[in-house]
Amino acid sequence: KAVVSTQSTGGHGETQVKPDFLLGKVVCLLYGASWSPPFMEFLEIFKSFYHELEMEEAPIEVIYISFDKSGEEMKNLGKTFPKQWVSVPHGSNMINYLKLKYGVVVIPKVVVVKDNGPSLRTKA
C-alpha cells in the first residue's frame, strides 16, 4: 500500500498523482521546513545525492513532508525542488499521520520506505 494517496508537485504547479506511481520504487520521505537553517543546508546535499541517483536511473521518489508555517512558504521552497518531487499538501492530516508514524520530532529527517510501506531506515 502506498504511503500517501495524493500530493502536489513542489512549486511547479499542482496536480493530483495516484499512489501507484510509487510501486517498485524506494520512497524517501523528506521532512523539513524553509525556516530551518539545518534543513536548508541538508537540502542542498540531499538534492545532489538525488541527482546522482537520477543519473544512474535509480527507482527513487521523494515526497516532501512540510513543517513550513504556511502554504506560501512551502510553495516558495518547492520552487527549488527537482520537478519530479512531490509533496503532501500543506495542512493535510497526512502530515501529522506520517510524523507520528515515523516518530519525527526534529528536522531535517529522511525516512526511506519500500513501496509496500515498511520503513527501511528511520535514523537519517
C-alpha atoms as a PDB file:
ATOM      1  CA  LYS A   1       0.000   0.000   0.000  1.00  0.00           C
ATOM      2  CA  ALA A   2       1.294   3.462  -0.859  1.00  0.00           C
ATOM      3  CA  VAL A   3       2.366   5.923   1.795  1.00  0.00           C
ATOM      4  CA  VAL A   4       0.177   8.763   0.543  1.00  0.00           C
ATOM      5  CA  SER A   5      -2.769   8.940  -1.789  1.00  0.00           C
ATOM      6  CA  THR A   6      -2.407  12.414  -3.261  1.00  0.00           C
ATOM      7  CA  GLN A   7       0.310  15.015  -3.400  1.00  0.00           C
ATOM      8  CA  SER A   8       1.010  18.221  -5.202  1.00  0.00           C
ATOM      9  CA  THR A   9       4.200  18.747  -7.134  1.00  0.00           C
ATOM     10  CA  GLY A  10       6.599  21.194  -5.468  1.00  0.00           C
ATOM     11  CA  GLY A  11       6.456  24.779  -6.670  1.00  0.00           C
ATOM     12  CA  HIS A  12       5.966  23.646 -10.262  1.00  0.00           C
ATOM     13  CA  GLY A  13       2.179  23.747 -10.213  1.00  0.00           C
ATOM     14  CA  GLU A  14      -0.252  21.435  -8.525  1.00  0.00           C
ATOM     15  CA  THR A  15      -1.500  18.145  -9.804  1.00  0.00           C
ATOM     16  CA  GLN A  16      -3.001  15.030  -8.283  1.00  0.00           C
ATOM     17  CA  VAL A  17      -0.943  11.875  -8.562  1.00  0.00           C
ATOM     18  CA  LYS A  18      -2.044   8.317  -7.953  1.00  0.00           C
ATOM     19  CA  PRO A  19      -0.298   6.158  -5.369  1.00  0.00           C
ATOM     20  CA  ASP A  20       0.688   3.554  -7.961  1.00  0.00           C
ATOM     21  CA  PHE A  21       3.486   5.859  -9.167  1.00  0.00           C
ATOM     22  CA  LEU A  22       5.346   4.610  -6.048  1.00  0.00           C
ATOM     23  CA  LEU A  23       5.175   0.934  -6.996  1.00  0.00           C
ATOM     24  CA  GLY A  24       8.552  -0.716  -7.387  1.00  0.00           C
ATOM     25  CA  LYS A  25      10.396   2.325  -6.059  1.00  0.00           C
ATOM     26  CA  VAL A  26      12.251   3.333  -2.956  1.00  0.00           C
ATOM     27  CA  VAL A  27      10.493   6.318  -1.406  1.00  0.00           C
ATOM     28  CA  CYS A  28      12.270   8.992   0.607  1.00  0.00           C
ATOM     29  CA  LEU A  29      10.015  10.951   2.937  1.00  0.00           C
ATOM     30  CA  LEU A  30      11.833  14.250   3.336  1.00  0.00           C
ATOM     31  CA  TYR A  31      10.732  16.160   6.439  1.00  0.00           C
ATOM     32  CA  GLY A  32      11.715  19.807   6.628  1.00  0.00           C
ATOM     33  CA  ALA A  33      10.831  23.483   6.622  1.00  0.00           C
ATOM     34  CA  SER A  34      12.114  26.614   4.927  1.00  0.00           C
ATOM     35  CA  TRP A  35      12.608  28.335   8.305  1.00  0.00           C
ATOM     36  CA  SER A  36      15.113  25.668   9.465  1.00  0.00           C
ATOM     37  CA  PRO A  37      18.774  26.517   8.681  1.00  0.00           C
ATOM     38  CA  PRO A  38      19.879  22.887   9.275  1.00  0.00           C
ATOM     39  CA  PHE A  39      17.234  21.690   6.811  1.00  0.00           C
ATOM     40  CA  MET A  40      18.177  24.256   4.181  1.00  0.00           C
ATOM     41  CA  GLU A  41      21.819  23.162   4.419  1.00  0.00           C
ATOM     42  CA  PHE A  42      20.854  19.482   4.297  1.00  0.00           C
ATOM     43  CA  LEU A  43      18.516  20.114   1.345  1.00  0.00           C
ATOM     44  CA  GLU A  44      21.395  21.112  -0.935  1.00  0.00           C
ATOM     45  CA  ILE A  45      23.297  17.930  -0.061  1.00  0.00           C
ATOM     46  CA  PHE A  46      20.193  15.788  -0.489  1.00  0.00           C
ATOM     47  CA  LYS A  47      19.394  17.323  -3.897  1.00  0.00           C
ATOM     48  CA  SER A  48      22.923  16.493  -5.078  1.00  0.00           C
ATOM     49  CA  PHE A  49      22.510  12.925  -3.830  1.00  0.00           C
ATOM     50  CA  TYR A  50      19.145  12.688  -5.604  1.00  0.00           C
ATOM     51  CA  HIS A  51      20.617  13.952  -8.886  1.00  0.00           C
ATOM     52  CA  GLU A  52      23.386  11.332  -8.703  1.00  0.00           C
ATOM     53  CA  LEU A  53      20.795   8.580  -8.241  1.00  0.00           C
ATOM     54  CA  GLU A  54      18.676  10.051 -11.028  1.00  0.00           C
ATOM     55  CA  MET A  55      21.641   9.898 -13.421  1.00  0.00           C
ATOM     56  CA  GLU A  56      22.012   6.212 -12.543  1.00  0.00           C
ATOM     57  CA  GLU A  57      18.272   5.784 -13.245  1.00  0.00           C
ATOM     58  CA  ALA A  58      17.655   4.534  -9.710  1.00  0.00           C
ATOM     59  CA  PRO A  59      13.974   3.853  -8.930  1.00  0.00           C
ATOM     60  CA  ILE A  60      13.576   6.565  -6.283  1.00  0.00           C
ATOM     61  CA  GLU A  61      10.827   9.024  -5.402  1.00  0.00           C
ATOM     62  CA  VAL A  62      10.963  11.903  -2.945  1.00  0.00           C
ATOM     63  CA  ILE A  63       7.934  13.116  -1.023  1.00  0.00           C
ATOM     64  CA  TYR A  64       8.350  16.377   0.882  1.00  0.00           C
ATOM     65  CA  ILE A  65       6.581  16.473   4.248  1.00  0.00           C
ATOM     66  CA  SER A  66       6.298  20.139   5.153  1.00  0.00           C
ATOM     67  CA  PHE A  67       6.741  21.673   8.570  1.00  0.00           C
ATOM     68  CA  ASP A  68       6.522  25.109   6.938  1.00  0.00           C
ATOM     69  CA  LYS A  69       4.400  27.687   8.739  1.00  0.00           C
ATOM     70  CA  SER A  70       2.257  28.444   5.706  1.00  0.00           C
ATOM     71  CA  GLY A  71       1.314  27.099   2.324  1.00  0.00           C
ATOM     72  CA  GLU A  72       3.073  30.071   0.757  1.00  0.00           C
ATOM     73  CA  GLU A  73       6.373  29.187   2.484  1.00  0.00           C
ATOM     74  CA  MET A  74       6.015  25.615   1.286  1.00  0.00           C
ATOM     75  CA  LYS A  75       5.223  26.703  -2.262  1.00  0.00           C
ATOM     76  CA  ASN A  76       8.242  29.020  -2.394  1.00  0.00           C
ATOM     77  CA  LEU A  77      10.557  26.305  -1.125  1.00  0.00           C
ATOM     78  CA  GLY A  78       9.038  23.833  -3.578  1.00  0.00           C
ATOM     79  CA  LYS A  79      10.213  26.019  -6.444  1.00  0.00           C
ATOM     80  CA  THR A  80      13.766  24.955  -5.580  1.00  0.00           C
ATOM     81  CA  PHE A  81      12.975  21.217  -5.696  1.00  0.00           C
ATOM     82  CA  PRO A  82      13.557  18.966  -8.684  1.00  0.00           C
ATOM     83  CA  LYS A  83      10.293  18.913 -10.630  1.00  0.00           C
ATOM     84  CA  GLN A  84       9.896  15.153 -10.087  1.00  0.00           C
ATOM     85  CA  TRP A  85       9.496  15.582  -6.318  1.00  0.00           C
ATOM     86  CA  VAL A  86       6.029  15.614  -4.872  1.00  0.00           C
ATOM     87  CA  SER A  87       4.713  16.853  -1.567  1.00  0.00           C
ATOM     88  CA  VAL A  88       1.855  16.226   0.777  1.00  0.00           C
ATOM     89  CA  PRO A  89      -0.389  19.326   0.569  1.00  0.00           C
ATOM     90  CA  HIS A  90       0.225  21.880   3.334  1.00  0.00           C
ATOM     91  CA  GLY A  91      -2.216  21.448   6.203  1.00  0.00           C
ATOM     92  CA  SER A  92      -3.120  17.875   5.227  1.00  0.00           C
ATOM     93  CA  ASN A  93      -3.886  15.438   8.050  1.00  0.00           C
ATOM     94  CA  MET A  94      -1.444  13.090   6.312  1.00  0.00           C
ATOM     95  CA  ILE A  95       1.467  15.262   7.513  1.00  0.00           C
ATOM     96  CA  ASN A  96       0.687  14.622  11.177  1.00  0.00           C
ATOM     97  CA  TYR A  97      -0.007  10.952  10.457  1.00  0.00           C
ATOM     98  CA  LEU A  98       3.407  10.481   8.792  1.00  0.00           C
ATOM     99  CA  LYS A  99       5.126  12.498  11.512  1.00  0.00           C
ATOM    100  CA  LEU A 100       3.682  10.249  14.218  1.00  0.00           C
ATOM    101  CA  LYS A 101       4.094   7.009  12.264  1.00  0.00           C
ATOM    102  CA  TYR A 102       7.834   7.519  11.855  1.00  0.00           C
ATOM    103  CA  GLY A 103       8.480   9.340  15.139  1.00  0.00           C
ATOM    104  CA  VAL A 104       9.685  12.567  13.585  1.00  0.00           C
ATOM    105  CA  VAL A 105      10.488  15.130  16.281  1.00  0.00           C
ATOM    106  CA  VAL A 106      13.331  17.095  14.647  1.00  0.00           C
ATOM    107  CA  ILE A 107      14.143  18.226  11.130  1.00  0.00           C
ATOM    108  CA  PRO A 108      15.777  17.584   8.815  1.00  0.00           C
ATOM    109  CA  LYS A 109      14.890  13.931   8.624  1.00  0.00           C
ATOM    110  CA  VAL A 110      14.642  11.409   5.806  1.00  0.00           C
ATOM    111  CA  VAL A 111      12.689   8.194   6.215  1.00  0.00           C
ATOM    112  CA  VAL A 112      13.250   5.617   3.489  1.00  0.00           C
ATOM    113  CA  VAL A 113      10.408   3.186   2.836  1.00  0.00           C
ATOM    114  CA  LYS A 114       9.712   0.413   0.373  1.00  0.00           C
ATOM    115  CA  ASP A 115       6.696   0.731  -1.907  1.00  0.00           C
ATOM    116  CA  ASN A 116       4.774  -1.646   0.372  1.00  0.00           C
ATOM    117  CA  GLY A 117       5.220   0.602   3.388  1.00  0.00           C
ATOM    118  CA  PRO A 118       7.787  -0.922   5.799  1.00  0.00           C
ATOM    119  CA  SER A 119      10.486   1.501   6.870  1.00  0.00           C
ATOM    120  CA  LEU A 120      14.000   0.693   5.734  1.00  0.00           C
ATOM    121  CA  ARG A 121      15.644   3.370   7.836  1.00  0.00           C
ATOM    122  CA  THR A 122      14.285   5.974  10.217  1.00  0.00           C
ATOM    123  CA  LYS A 123      17.527   7.445  11.571  1.00  0.00           C
ATOM    124  CA  ALA A 124      18.742   9.667   8.759  1.00  0.00           C
END
